[in-house]
Amino acid sequence: MEFDQAFVWITTRRLKPGTRDEFARAWRPTEFPAGMLRAYECYSADGNEVVGISIWDSPESRERFRLSEVEAERRRLMAPFVIEERAGFYTGRELRIPER
């Protein structure tokens, strides 16, 4: 059985009500890091919760970005809009959906 391994960083942030637009501007990195293969931004219907999902080529690539000045600055800019944050880093795989 073939197993395509992926490294996935998921962050969930609860935002101060009415700050989605300001948060979105702060959240975008000034540069996309080496090793990031894909990224997704998911908002709740009311805009007060955002989930970031990024796919990485290795745990080391994600860790370099997590500890970088670019990420530190991004987090500093986001902080005024965030009430709560949770994050996890996972190893996973894409599930293939059979053709219908």
Protein backbone atom coordinates (compact mmCIF):
# COMPACT_ATOMS: atom_id res chain seq x y z
CA MET A 1 0.00 0.00 0.00
CA GLU A 2 1.40 3.38 -1.00
CA PHE A 3 1.46 6.05 1.71
CA ASP A 4 2.05 9.64 0.66
CA GLN A 5 3.20 11.31 3.87
CA ALA A 6 2.38 14.96 4.47
CA PHE A 7 3.36 17.34 7.26
CA VAL A 8 0.44 19.54 8.27
CA TRP A 9 0.42 22.59 10.56
CA ILE A 10 -3.04 23.61 11.72
CA THR A 11 -3.75 26.76 13.72
CA THR A 12 -7.13 27.84 15.01
CA ARG A 13 -7.62 31.39 16.22
CA ARG A 14 -10.66 32.97 17.80
CA LEU A 15 -10.78 36.63 16.81
CA LYS A 16 -12.15 39.70 18.52
CA PRO A 17 -15.56 40.32 16.93
CA GLY A 18 -15.45 42.61 13.92
CA THR A 19 -11.67 42.37 13.37
CA ARG A 20 -11.57 39.84 10.52
CA ASP A 21 -10.38 42.32 7.86
CA GLU A 22 -7.62 43.76 10.05
CA PHE A 23 -6.57 40.26 11.09
CA ALA A 24 -6.47 39.08 7.46
CA ARG A 25 -4.08 41.91 6.53
CA ALA A 26 -1.80 41.11 9.49
CA TRP A 27 -1.94 37.35 8.89
CA ARG A 28 -0.55 37.32 5.37
CA PRO A 29 3.19 36.71 5.47
CA THR A 30 5.49 39.12 3.67
CA GLU A 31 7.05 36.10 1.96
CA PHE A 32 6.02 32.50 1.61
CA PRO A 33 8.59 30.17 3.12
CA ALA A 34 10.68 27.54 1.45
CA GLY A 35 9.18 24.13 2.09
CA MET A 36 5.55 25.28 2.29
CA LEU A 37 3.71 23.31 -0.40
CA ARG A 38 0.14 24.51 0.12
CA ALA A 39 -1.81 26.78 2.45
CA TYR A 40 -5.50 27.22 3.24
CA GLU A 41 -7.41 29.93 5.12
CA CYS A 42 -10.81 28.90 6.51
CA TYR A 43 -13.22 31.25 8.31
CA SER A 44 -16.33 30.51 10.36
CA ALA A 45 -19.63 31.92 9.07
CA ASP A 46 -19.48 34.84 11.52
CA GLY A 47 -15.82 35.57 10.70
CA ASN A 48 -14.75 35.28 14.32
CA GLU A 49 -12.72 32.10 13.95
CA VAL A 50 -10.02 31.34 11.41
CA VAL A 51 -8.26 28.05 10.74
CA GLY A 52 -4.95 28.06 8.91
CA ILE A 53 -3.80 24.83 7.31
CA SER A 54 -0.38 24.57 5.74
CA ILE A 55 1.28 21.57 4.11
CA TRP A 56 5.07 21.27 4.41
CA ASP A 57 7.75 19.19 2.73
CA SER A 58 9.37 18.38 6.10
CA PRO A 59 9.11 19.11 9.83
CA GLU A 60 12.42 20.99 9.55
CA SER A 61 11.02 23.44 6.97
CA ARG A 62 8.05 24.24 9.17
CA GLU A 63 10.28 24.66 12.22
CA ARG A 64 12.62 27.06 10.37
CA PHE A 65 9.63 29.20 9.43
CA ARG A 66 8.06 28.97 12.90
CA LEU A 67 11.28 30.33 14.44
CA SER A 68 11.94 32.94 11.70
CA GLU A 69 11.82 36.73 12.02
CA VAL A 70 9.12 36.80 9.31
CA GLU A 71 6.85 34.61 11.48
CA ALA A 72 7.69 36.56 14.66
CA GLU A 73 6.68 39.81 12.97
CA ARG A 74 3.52 38.27 11.56
CA ARG A 75 2.51 36.99 15.00
CA ARG A 76 3.21 40.41 16.54
CA LEU A 77 0.91 42.06 13.96
CA MET A 78 -1.86 39.48 14.52
CA ALA A 79 -1.81 39.62 18.32
CA PRO A 80 -4.16 42.62 18.80
CA PHE A 81 -6.97 40.75 17.02
CA VAL A 82 -6.62 37.28 18.59
CA ILE A 83 -8.49 36.17 21.72
CA GLU A 84 -7.35 32.55 21.72
CA GLU A 85 -5.02 30.38 19.63
CA ARG A 86 -4.47 26.64 19.32
CA ALA A 87 -1.98 24.90 17.05
CA GLY A 88 -0.80 21.43 16.21
CA PHE A 89 1.65 19.82 13.82
CA TYR A 90 0.68 16.48 12.31
CA THR A 91 1.84 13.78 9.98
CA GLY A 92 -0.93 12.70 7.64
CA ARG A 93 -1.91 11.64 4.18
CA GLU A 94 -4.45 12.58 1.56
CA LEU A 95 -7.40 10.24 1.38
CA ARG A 96 -8.29 9.18 -2.13
CA ILE A 97 -11.99 9.33 -2.86
CA PRO A 98 -13.05 6.58 -5.29
CA GLU A 99 -14.58 7.70 -8.56
CA ARG A 100 -18.34 7.62 -8.46
